[in-house]
Amino acid sequence: MDGMVATVAGVGFVLGLRHALDPDHVVAVTTLASQKIGLRRTSLVGACWGLGHALSLGLAGGVILALRLTVPPAASHALEALVAVMLVVLGTLALRRALRWKLHAHPHQHDGTTHVHFHAHRREETQVHRHPHPLQGGLRPFLVGLVHGLAGSAGLALLALTAAPTLGAGLVYLAIFGLGSIAGMLLLSALMSVPLSYVEARYAALHRGVQVAAGAVSVAFGLYLLWEHAAGAAAAAWLS
C-alpha cells in the first residue's frame, strides 16, 4: 500500500508540474509577471499564484473527493467562464498600466559629442504618489490562483478518485499535485525574470511593448474562452 501511495504521489507531482503550464495559467501569470522586475518579484508572482491555486484546488477537490460529490456541468462551465472573464480583466488592467508609460529622451553632451538617452515613466508618476498596493504584490496572483484552482477542482477530484485506491491516497494525490503546480509556476516565473529584467534595463520601449503584448494576449485569450463556452452552451441547448 505504501508503494501505491508513493506512486500516486509521484504521478501527482509530475502532473501538477504539467498542469501549471496550461495555457490559461501561463497567460495569466505572464501578464502579471510582465509588470514585475527582478528574480524575487517575478518569482513571487508564480509562488503566490501557486499557493492560491493549490489551496482552492486542495480544499474544494478534497471536499468533492471525501463526500463523493458530483459537480453539475453548469457549475463547472460557470467557473471556467469566470476564468475567461478574469483573463479579460487582467489584460485590460495590464494594458491600462502599460499605456500610462511615457517615453522621453534626455540629450546631453560629452566631449563635444551629443548623446541621447531614452527613459520611460508613468505619465502621472510623482514623488508624492508613493504607497504600497497589496493587489500589485502577492495578493493579486494569489486571488488569480484561487479562481484557477476552483475551476479545476472538479476534474482533478475525479482524476484522484480514479487514480487513488483509497480516500487517504486521493487526498495525498491532491496535496502533491498542488505542490507540483507551485513548483512548476515558480520555475516558469523565475525563468521569465531573466529576459524581462534584461529588456527593462536596456530597452524601455521594448519592455513597454512586452507589457502591452501580454495584456493584449490575455484579453484576446479570455474573449476566445468566453466565445468557446458560449458556443458550447448554445450547441448543448440546441441538441437537448
C-alpha atoms as a PDB file:
ATOM      1  CA  MET A   1       0.000   0.000   0.000  1.00  0.00           C
ATOM      2  CA  ASP A   2       2.875   2.369   0.844  1.00  0.00           C
ATOM      3  CA  GLY A   3       4.340   1.737  -2.579  1.00  0.00           C
ATOM      4  CA  MET A   4       0.992   2.530  -4.195  1.00  0.00           C
ATOM      5  CA  VAL A   5       0.684   5.799  -2.265  1.00  0.00           C
ATOM      6  CA  ALA A   6       4.245   6.755  -3.257  1.00  0.00           C
ATOM      7  CA  THR A   7       3.446   6.018  -6.886  1.00  0.00           C
ATOM      8  CA  VAL A   8       0.244   8.078  -6.737  1.00  0.00           C
ATOM      9  CA  ALA A   9       2.149  10.945  -5.088  1.00  0.00           C
ATOM     10  CA  GLY A  10       4.888  10.844  -7.728  1.00  0.00           C
ATOM     11  CA  VAL A  11       2.373  10.885 -10.557  1.00  0.00           C
ATOM     12  CA  GLY A  12       0.512  13.719  -8.851  1.00  0.00           C
ATOM     13  CA  PHE A  13       3.663  15.853  -8.608  1.00  0.00           C
ATOM     14  CA  VAL A  14       4.571  15.360 -12.255  1.00  0.00           C
ATOM     15  CA  LEU A  15       1.022  16.099 -13.396  1.00  0.00           C
ATOM     16  CA  GLY A  16       0.986  19.167 -11.141  1.00  0.00           C
ATOM     17  CA  LEU A  17       4.126  20.452 -12.861  1.00  0.00           C
ATOM     18  CA  ARG A  18       2.452  19.913 -16.219  1.00  0.00           C
ATOM     19  CA  HIS A  19      -0.835  21.419 -15.063  1.00  0.00           C
ATOM     20  CA  ALA A  20       0.903  24.688 -14.165  1.00  0.00           C
ATOM     21  CA  LEU A  21       1.689  25.121 -17.866  1.00  0.00           C
ATOM     22  CA  ASP A  22      -1.938  25.054 -19.020  1.00  0.00           C
ATOM     23  CA  PRO A  23      -2.495  27.943 -21.455  1.00  0.00           C
ATOM     24  CA  ASP A  24      -4.872  29.960 -19.264  1.00  0.00           C
ATOM     25  CA  HIS A  25      -2.463  29.661 -16.331  1.00  0.00           C
ATOM     26  CA  VAL A  26       0.555  30.740 -18.377  1.00  0.00           C
ATOM     27  CA  VAL A  27      -1.318  33.670 -19.929  1.00  0.00           C
ATOM     28  CA  ALA A  28      -2.488  34.967 -16.544  1.00  0.00           C
ATOM     29  CA  VAL A  29       0.892  34.642 -14.808  1.00  0.00           C
ATOM     30  CA  THR A  30       2.783  36.067 -17.791  1.00  0.00           C
ATOM     31  CA  THR A  31       0.500  39.101 -17.761  1.00  0.00           C
ATOM     32  CA  LEU A  32       1.152  39.626 -14.041  1.00  0.00           C
ATOM     33  CA  ALA A  33       4.878  38.867 -14.223  1.00  0.00           C
ATOM     34  CA  SER A  34       5.452  41.259 -17.132  1.00  0.00           C
ATOM     35  CA  GLN A  35       4.738  44.104 -14.705  1.00  0.00           C
ATOM     36  CA  LYS A  36       7.471  42.979 -12.281  1.00  0.00           C
ATOM     37  CA  ILE A  37      11.228  43.372 -12.476  1.00  0.00           C
ATOM     38  CA  GLY A  38      13.834  41.140 -10.896  1.00  0.00           C
ATOM     39  CA  LEU A  39      14.023  37.495  -9.906  1.00  0.00           C
ATOM     40  CA  ARG A  40      12.483  37.956  -6.458  1.00  0.00           C
ATOM     41  CA  ARG A  41       9.433  39.951  -7.544  1.00  0.00           C
ATOM     42  CA  THR A  42       8.743  37.855 -10.633  1.00  0.00           C
ATOM     43  CA  SER A  43       9.153  34.606  -8.701  1.00  0.00           C
ATOM     44  CA  LEU A  44       6.790  35.953  -6.044  1.00  0.00           C
ATOM     45  CA  VAL A  45       4.072  36.162  -8.701  1.00  0.00           C
ATOM     46  CA  GLY A  46       4.488  32.486  -9.579  1.00  0.00           C
ATOM     47  CA  ALA A  47       4.733  31.371  -5.956  1.00  0.00           C
ATOM     48  CA  CYS A  48       1.624  33.287  -4.865  1.00  0.00           C
ATOM     49  CA  TRP A  49      -0.347  32.043  -7.856  1.00  0.00           C
ATOM     50  CA  GLY A  50       0.729  28.501  -6.997  1.00  0.00           C
ATOM     51  CA  LEU A  51      -0.267  28.878  -3.342  1.00  0.00           C
ATOM     52  CA  GLY A  52      -3.717  30.191  -4.229  1.00  0.00           C
ATOM     53  CA  HIS A  53      -4.171  27.516  -6.863  1.00  0.00           C
ATOM     54  CA  ALA A  54      -3.082  24.694  -4.539  1.00  0.00           C
ATOM     55  CA  LEU A  55      -5.226  25.978  -1.652  1.00  0.00           C
ATOM     56  CA  SER A  56      -8.506  26.164  -3.526  1.00  0.00           C
ATOM     57  CA  LEU A  57      -7.741  23.016  -5.508  1.00  0.00           C
ATOM     58  CA  GLY A  58      -6.954  21.060  -2.347  1.00  0.00           C
ATOM     59  CA  LEU A  59      -9.904  22.324  -0.314  1.00  0.00           C
ATOM     60  CA  ALA A  60     -12.576  22.119  -2.995  1.00  0.00           C
ATOM     61  CA  GLY A  61     -11.182  18.923  -4.504  1.00  0.00           C
ATOM     62  CA  GLY A  62     -10.826  17.346  -1.071  1.00  0.00           C
ATOM     63  CA  VAL A  63     -14.451  18.062  -0.184  1.00  0.00           C
ATOM     64  CA  ILE A  64     -15.646  16.689  -3.523  1.00  0.00           C
ATOM     65  CA  LEU A  65     -13.483  13.604  -3.110  1.00  0.00           C
ATOM     66  CA  ALA A  66     -14.365  12.939   0.548  1.00  0.00           C
ATOM     67  CA  LEU A  67     -18.106  13.387   0.102  1.00  0.00           C
ATOM     68  CA  ARG A  68     -18.209  11.750  -3.325  1.00  0.00           C
ATOM     69  CA  LEU A  69     -19.960  14.810  -4.689  1.00  0.00           C
ATOM     70  CA  THR A  70     -20.885  15.266  -8.317  1.00  0.00           C
ATOM     71  CA  VAL A  71     -20.318  18.791  -9.573  1.00  0.00           C
ATOM     72  CA  PRO A  72     -23.059  19.827 -12.034  1.00  0.00           C
ATOM     73  CA  PRO A  73     -21.733  20.643 -15.507  1.00  0.00           C
ATOM     74  CA  ALA A  74     -23.370  24.061 -15.257  1.00  0.00           C
ATOM     75  CA  ALA A  75     -21.243  24.878 -12.194  1.00  0.00           C
ATOM     76  CA  SER A  76     -18.048  23.760 -13.925  1.00  0.00           C
ATOM     77  CA  HIS A  77     -18.898  25.838 -17.004  1.00  0.00           C
ATOM     78  CA  ALA A  78     -19.645  28.867 -14.823  1.00  0.00           C
ATOM     79  CA  LEU A  79     -16.240  28.611 -13.115  1.00  0.00           C
ATOM     80  CA  GLU A  80     -14.487  28.216 -16.452  1.00  0.00           C
ATOM     81  CA  ALA A  81     -16.335  31.289 -17.742  1.00  0.00           C
ATOM     82  CA  LEU A  82     -15.195  33.141 -14.607  1.00  0.00           C
ATOM     83  CA  VAL A  83     -11.597  32.302 -15.533  1.00  0.00           C
ATOM     84  CA  ALA A  84     -12.197  33.750 -19.004  1.00  0.00           C
ATOM     85  CA  VAL A  85     -13.641  36.973 -17.556  1.00  0.00           C
ATOM     86  CA  MET A  86     -10.701  37.178 -15.157  1.00  0.00           C
ATOM     87  CA  LEU A  87      -8.235  36.977 -18.060  1.00  0.00           C
ATOM     88  CA  VAL A  88     -10.026  39.816 -19.839  1.00  0.00           C
ATOM     89  CA  VAL A  89      -9.897  41.955 -16.678  1.00  0.00           C
ATOM     90  CA  LEU A  90      -6.216  41.152 -16.054  1.00  0.00           C
ATOM     91  CA  GLY A  91      -5.330  42.001 -19.634  1.00  0.00           C
ATOM     92  CA  THR A  92      -7.297  45.247 -19.533  1.00  0.00           C
ATOM     93  CA  LEU A  93      -5.561  46.329 -16.328  1.00  0.00           C
ATOM     94  CA  ALA A  94      -2.164  45.431 -17.791  1.00  0.00           C
ATOM     95  CA  LEU A  95      -2.861  47.439 -20.948  1.00  0.00           C
ATOM     96  CA  ARG A  96      -4.041  50.400 -18.905  1.00  0.00           C
ATOM     97  CA  ARG A  97      -0.881  50.266 -16.811  1.00  0.00           C
ATOM     98  CA  ALA A  98       1.459  49.850 -19.789  1.00  0.00           C
ATOM     99  CA  LEU A  99      -0.114  52.622 -21.840  1.00  0.00           C
ATOM    100  CA  ARG A 100       0.300  55.096 -18.976  1.00  0.00           C
ATOM    101  CA  TRP A 101       4.053  54.998 -19.527  1.00  0.00           C
ATOM    102  CA  LYS A 102       5.630  57.895 -21.372  1.00  0.00           C
ATOM    103  CA  LEU A 103       8.860  57.597 -23.347  1.00  0.00           C
ATOM    104  CA  HIS A 104      11.094  60.636 -23.484  1.00  0.00           C
ATOM    105  CA  ALA A 105      14.694  61.482 -24.411  1.00  0.00           C
ATOM    106  CA  HIS A 106      17.431  63.261 -22.493  1.00  0.00           C
ATOM    107  CA  PRO A 107      20.088  64.709 -24.847  1.00  0.00           C
ATOM    108  CA  HIS A 108      23.385  65.820 -23.345  1.00  0.00           C
ATOM    109  CA  GLN A 109      26.971  66.343 -24.446  1.00  0.00           C
ATOM    110  CA  HIS A 110      30.238  64.646 -23.558  1.00  0.00           C
ATOM    111  CA  ASP A 111      33.500  65.954 -25.041  1.00  0.00           C
ATOM    112  CA  GLY A 112      31.675  67.779 -27.802  1.00  0.00           C
ATOM    113  CA  THR A 113      29.572  64.745 -28.753  1.00  0.00           C
ATOM    114  CA  THR A 114      25.817  64.742 -28.227  1.00  0.00           C
ATOM    115  CA  HIS A 115      24.306  61.647 -26.621  1.00  0.00           C
ATOM    116  CA  VAL A 116      20.634  60.815 -26.255  1.00  0.00           C
ATOM    117  CA  HIS A 117      19.302  58.568 -23.514  1.00  0.00           C
ATOM    118  CA  PHE A 118      15.726  57.317 -23.505  1.00  0.00           C
ATOM    119  CA  HIS A 119      13.705  56.826 -20.336  1.00  0.00           C
ATOM    120  CA  ALA A 120      10.206  55.645 -19.586  1.00  0.00           C
ATOM    121  CA  HIS A 121       7.949  56.505 -16.667  1.00  0.00           C
ATOM    122  CA  ARG A 122       4.262  56.688 -15.909  1.00  0.00           C
ATOM    123  CA  ARG A 123       2.593  59.900 -17.010  1.00  0.00           C
ATOM    124  CA  GLU A 124       1.154  60.620 -13.575  1.00  0.00           C
ATOM    125  CA  GLU A 125       4.232  59.500 -11.637  1.00  0.00           C
ATOM    126  CA  THR A 126       5.243  61.990  -8.978  1.00  0.00           C
ATOM    127  CA  GLN A 127       7.223  61.919  -5.776  1.00  0.00           C
ATOM    128  CA  VAL A 128       4.015  62.299  -3.778  1.00  0.00           C
ATOM    129  CA  HIS A 129       2.246  59.168  -5.011  1.00  0.00           C
ATOM    130  CA  ARG A 130       4.323  56.510  -3.275  1.00  0.00           C
ATOM    131  CA  HIS A 131       2.349  53.999  -1.220  1.00  0.00           C
ATOM    132  CA  PRO A 132       2.038  50.225  -1.401  1.00  0.00           C
ATOM    133  CA  HIS A 133      -0.797  48.496  -3.247  1.00  0.00           C
ATOM    134  CA  PRO A 134      -1.412  44.959  -1.909  1.00  0.00           C
ATOM    135  CA  LEU A 135      -3.038  43.867  -5.168  1.00  0.00           C
ATOM    136  CA  GLN A 136       0.153  44.847  -7.013  1.00  0.00           C
ATOM    137  CA  GLY A 137       2.193  42.499  -4.795  1.00  0.00           C
ATOM    138  CA  GLY A 138       1.340  38.937  -3.948  1.00  0.00           C
ATOM    139  CA  LEU A 139      -2.386  39.255  -3.330  1.00  0.00           C
ATOM    140  CA  ARG A 140      -3.471  39.612  -6.951  1.00  0.00           C
ATOM    141  CA  PRO A 141      -1.673  36.469  -8.224  1.00  0.00           C
ATOM    142  CA  PHE A 142      -2.903  34.618  -5.120  1.00  0.00           C
ATOM    143  CA  LEU A 143      -6.523  35.507  -5.951  1.00  0.00           C
ATOM    144  CA  VAL A 144      -5.992  34.573  -9.592  1.00  0.00           C
ATOM    145  CA  GLY A 145      -4.634  31.207  -8.464  1.00  0.00           C
ATOM    146  CA  LEU A 146      -7.675  30.691  -6.225  1.00  0.00           C
ATOM    147  CA  VAL A 147     -10.002  31.145  -9.198  1.00  0.00           C
ATOM    148  CA  HIS A 148      -7.950  28.813 -11.378  1.00  0.00           C
ATOM    149  CA  GLY A 149      -7.935  26.199  -8.633  1.00  0.00           C
ATOM    150  CA  LEU A 150     -11.699  26.334  -8.150  1.00  0.00           C
ATOM    151  CA  ALA A 151     -12.241  25.952 -11.880  1.00  0.00           C
ATOM    152  CA  GLY A 152     -10.107  22.811 -11.997  1.00  0.00           C
ATOM    153  CA  SER A 153     -11.120  21.194  -8.714  1.00  0.00           C
ATOM    154  CA  ALA A 154     -13.945  19.026 -10.052  1.00  0.00           C
ATOM    155  CA  GLY A 155     -11.855  17.462 -12.811  1.00  0.00           C
ATOM    156  CA  LEU A 156      -8.889  16.882 -10.509  1.00  0.00           C
ATOM    157  CA  ALA A 157     -11.080  15.264  -7.832  1.00  0.00           C
ATOM    158  CA  LEU A 158     -12.474  12.903 -10.453  1.00  0.00           C
ATOM    159  CA  LEU A 159      -8.931  12.041 -11.575  1.00  0.00           C
ATOM    160  CA  ALA A 160      -7.846  11.420  -7.966  1.00  0.00           C
ATOM    161  CA  LEU A 161     -10.906   9.257  -7.398  1.00  0.00           C
ATOM    162  CA  THR A 162      -9.977   7.004 -10.309  1.00  0.00           C
ATOM    163  CA  ALA A 163      -6.202   7.015  -9.730  1.00  0.00           C
ATOM    164  CA  ALA A 164      -6.052   6.548  -5.952  1.00  0.00           C
ATOM    165  CA  PRO A 165      -7.018   3.266  -4.244  1.00  0.00           C
ATOM    166  CA  THR A 166      -8.210   4.925  -1.013  1.00  0.00           C
ATOM    167  CA  LEU A 167      -9.510   8.280   0.199  1.00  0.00           C
ATOM    168  CA  GLY A 168      -6.221   8.910   2.013  1.00  0.00           C
ATOM    169  CA  ALA A 169      -4.228   8.258  -1.133  1.00  0.00           C
ATOM    170  CA  GLY A 170      -6.558  10.541  -3.057  1.00  0.00           C
ATOM    171  CA  LEU A 171      -6.014  13.386  -0.584  1.00  0.00           C
ATOM    172  CA  VAL A 172      -2.254  12.820  -0.790  1.00  0.00           C
ATOM    173  CA  TYR A 173      -2.564  12.994  -4.568  1.00  0.00           C
ATOM    174  CA  LEU A 174      -4.369  16.349  -4.336  1.00  0.00           C
ATOM    175  CA  ALA A 175      -1.757  17.775  -1.958  1.00  0.00           C
ATOM    176  CA  ILE A 176       1.230  16.607  -4.014  1.00  0.00           C
ATOM    177  CA  PHE A 177      -0.459  17.768  -7.215  1.00  0.00           C
ATOM    178  CA  GLY A 178      -0.789  21.221  -5.638  1.00  0.00           C
ATOM    179  CA  LEU A 179       2.895  21.226  -4.673  1.00  0.00           C
ATOM    180  CA  GLY A 180       3.792  20.261  -8.224  1.00  0.00           C
ATOM    181  CA  SER A 181       1.786  23.159  -9.622  1.00  0.00           C
ATOM    182  CA  ILE A 182       3.529  25.559  -7.210  1.00  0.00           C
ATOM    183  CA  ALA A 183       6.943  24.267  -8.274  1.00  0.00           C
ATOM    184  CA  GLY A 184       6.046  24.434 -11.966  1.00  0.00           C
ATOM    185  CA  MET A 185       4.808  28.007 -11.883  1.00  0.00           C
ATOM    186  CA  LEU A 186       7.619  29.156  -9.589  1.00  0.00           C
ATOM    187  CA  LEU A 187      10.152  27.768 -12.057  1.00  0.00           C
ATOM    188  CA  LEU A 188       8.368  29.333 -15.026  1.00  0.00           C
ATOM    189  CA  SER A 189       8.128  32.775 -13.413  1.00  0.00           C
ATOM    190  CA  ALA A 190      11.790  32.628 -12.348  1.00  0.00           C
ATOM    191  CA  LEU A 191      12.782  31.884 -15.942  1.00  0.00           C
ATOM    192  CA  MET A 192      10.630  34.807 -17.112  1.00  0.00           C
ATOM    193  CA  SER A 193      12.570  37.184 -14.872  1.00  0.00           C
ATOM    194  CA  VAL A 194      15.778  36.820 -16.895  1.00  0.00           C
ATOM    195  CA  PRO A 195      14.600  38.261 -20.246  1.00  0.00           C
ATOM    196  CA  LEU A 196      12.212  40.689 -18.547  1.00  0.00           C
ATOM    197  CA  SER A 197      14.965  42.182 -16.392  1.00  0.00           C
ATOM    198  CA  TYR A 198      17.348  42.373 -19.345  1.00  0.00           C
ATOM    199  CA  VAL A 199      14.837  44.132 -21.580  1.00  0.00           C
ATOM    200  CA  GLU A 200      13.686  46.546 -18.867  1.00  0.00           C
ATOM    201  CA  ALA A 201      17.252  47.576 -18.041  1.00  0.00           C
ATOM    202  CA  ARG A 202      18.295  48.264 -21.647  1.00  0.00           C
ATOM    203  CA  TYR A 203      15.247  48.814 -23.827  1.00  0.00           C
ATOM    204  CA  ALA A 204      12.473  50.732 -22.070  1.00  0.00           C
ATOM    205  CA  ALA A 205      10.262  50.981 -25.141  1.00  0.00           C
ATOM    206  CA  LEU A 206      10.586  47.265 -25.849  1.00  0.00           C
ATOM    207  CA  HIS A 207       9.718  46.438 -22.247  1.00  0.00           C
ATOM    208  CA  ARG A 208       6.602  48.539 -22.576  1.00  0.00           C
ATOM    209  CA  GLY A 209       5.796  46.634 -25.771  1.00  0.00           C
ATOM    210  CA  VAL A 210       6.142  43.317 -23.901  1.00  0.00           C
ATOM    211  CA  GLN A 211       3.640  44.528 -21.300  1.00  0.00           C
ATOM    212  CA  VAL A 212       1.212  45.660 -23.998  1.00  0.00           C
ATOM    213  CA  ALA A 213       1.567  42.347 -25.828  1.00  0.00           C
ATOM    214  CA  ALA A 214       0.991  40.343 -22.641  1.00  0.00           C
ATOM    215  CA  GLY A 215      -2.125  42.354 -21.821  1.00  0.00           C
ATOM    216  CA  ALA A 216      -3.479  42.054 -25.356  1.00  0.00           C
ATOM    217  CA  VAL A 217      -2.928  38.272 -25.406  1.00  0.00           C
ATOM    218  CA  SER A 218      -4.718  37.949 -22.070  1.00  0.00           C
ATOM    219  CA  VAL A 219      -7.737  39.903 -23.321  1.00  0.00           C
ATOM    220  CA  ALA A 220      -7.833  38.001 -26.614  1.00  0.00           C
ATOM    221  CA  PHE A 221      -7.487  34.593 -24.963  1.00  0.00           C
ATOM    222  CA  GLY A 222     -10.142  35.432 -22.385  1.00  0.00           C
ATOM    223  CA  LEU A 223     -12.561  36.508 -25.118  1.00  0.00           C
ATOM    224  CA  TYR A 224     -11.782  33.335 -27.055  1.00  0.00           C
ATOM    225  CA  LEU A 225     -12.585  31.203 -23.999  1.00  0.00           C
ATOM    226  CA  LEU A 226     -15.839  33.111 -23.480  1.00  0.00           C
ATOM    227  CA  TRP A 227     -16.799  32.556 -27.103  1.00  0.00           C
ATOM    228  CA  GLU A 228     -15.887  28.867 -26.807  1.00  0.00           C
ATOM    229  CA  HIS A 229     -18.062  28.431 -23.713  1.00  0.00           C
ATOM    230  CA  ALA A 230     -20.949  30.347 -25.267  1.00  0.00           C
ATOM    231  CA  ALA A 231     -20.757  28.252 -28.445  1.00  0.00           C
ATOM    232  CA  GLY A 232     -20.643  25.052 -26.406  1.00  0.00           C
ATOM    233  CA  ALA A 233     -23.624  26.084 -24.312  1.00  0.00           C
ATOM    234  CA  ALA A 234     -25.602  27.051 -27.415  1.00  0.00           C
ATOM    235  CA  ALA A 235     -24.813  23.707 -29.068  1.00  0.00           C
ATOM    236  CA  ALA A 236     -25.833  21.780 -25.940  1.00  0.00           C
ATOM    237  CA  ALA A 237     -29.105  23.710 -25.711  1.00  0.00           C
ATOM    238  CA  TRP A 238     -29.849  23.087 -29.384  1.00  0.00           C
ATOM    239  CA  LEU A 239     -29.190  19.333 -29.074  1.00  0.00           C
ATOM    240  CA  SER A 240     -31.260  18.930 -25.904  1.00  0.00           C
END
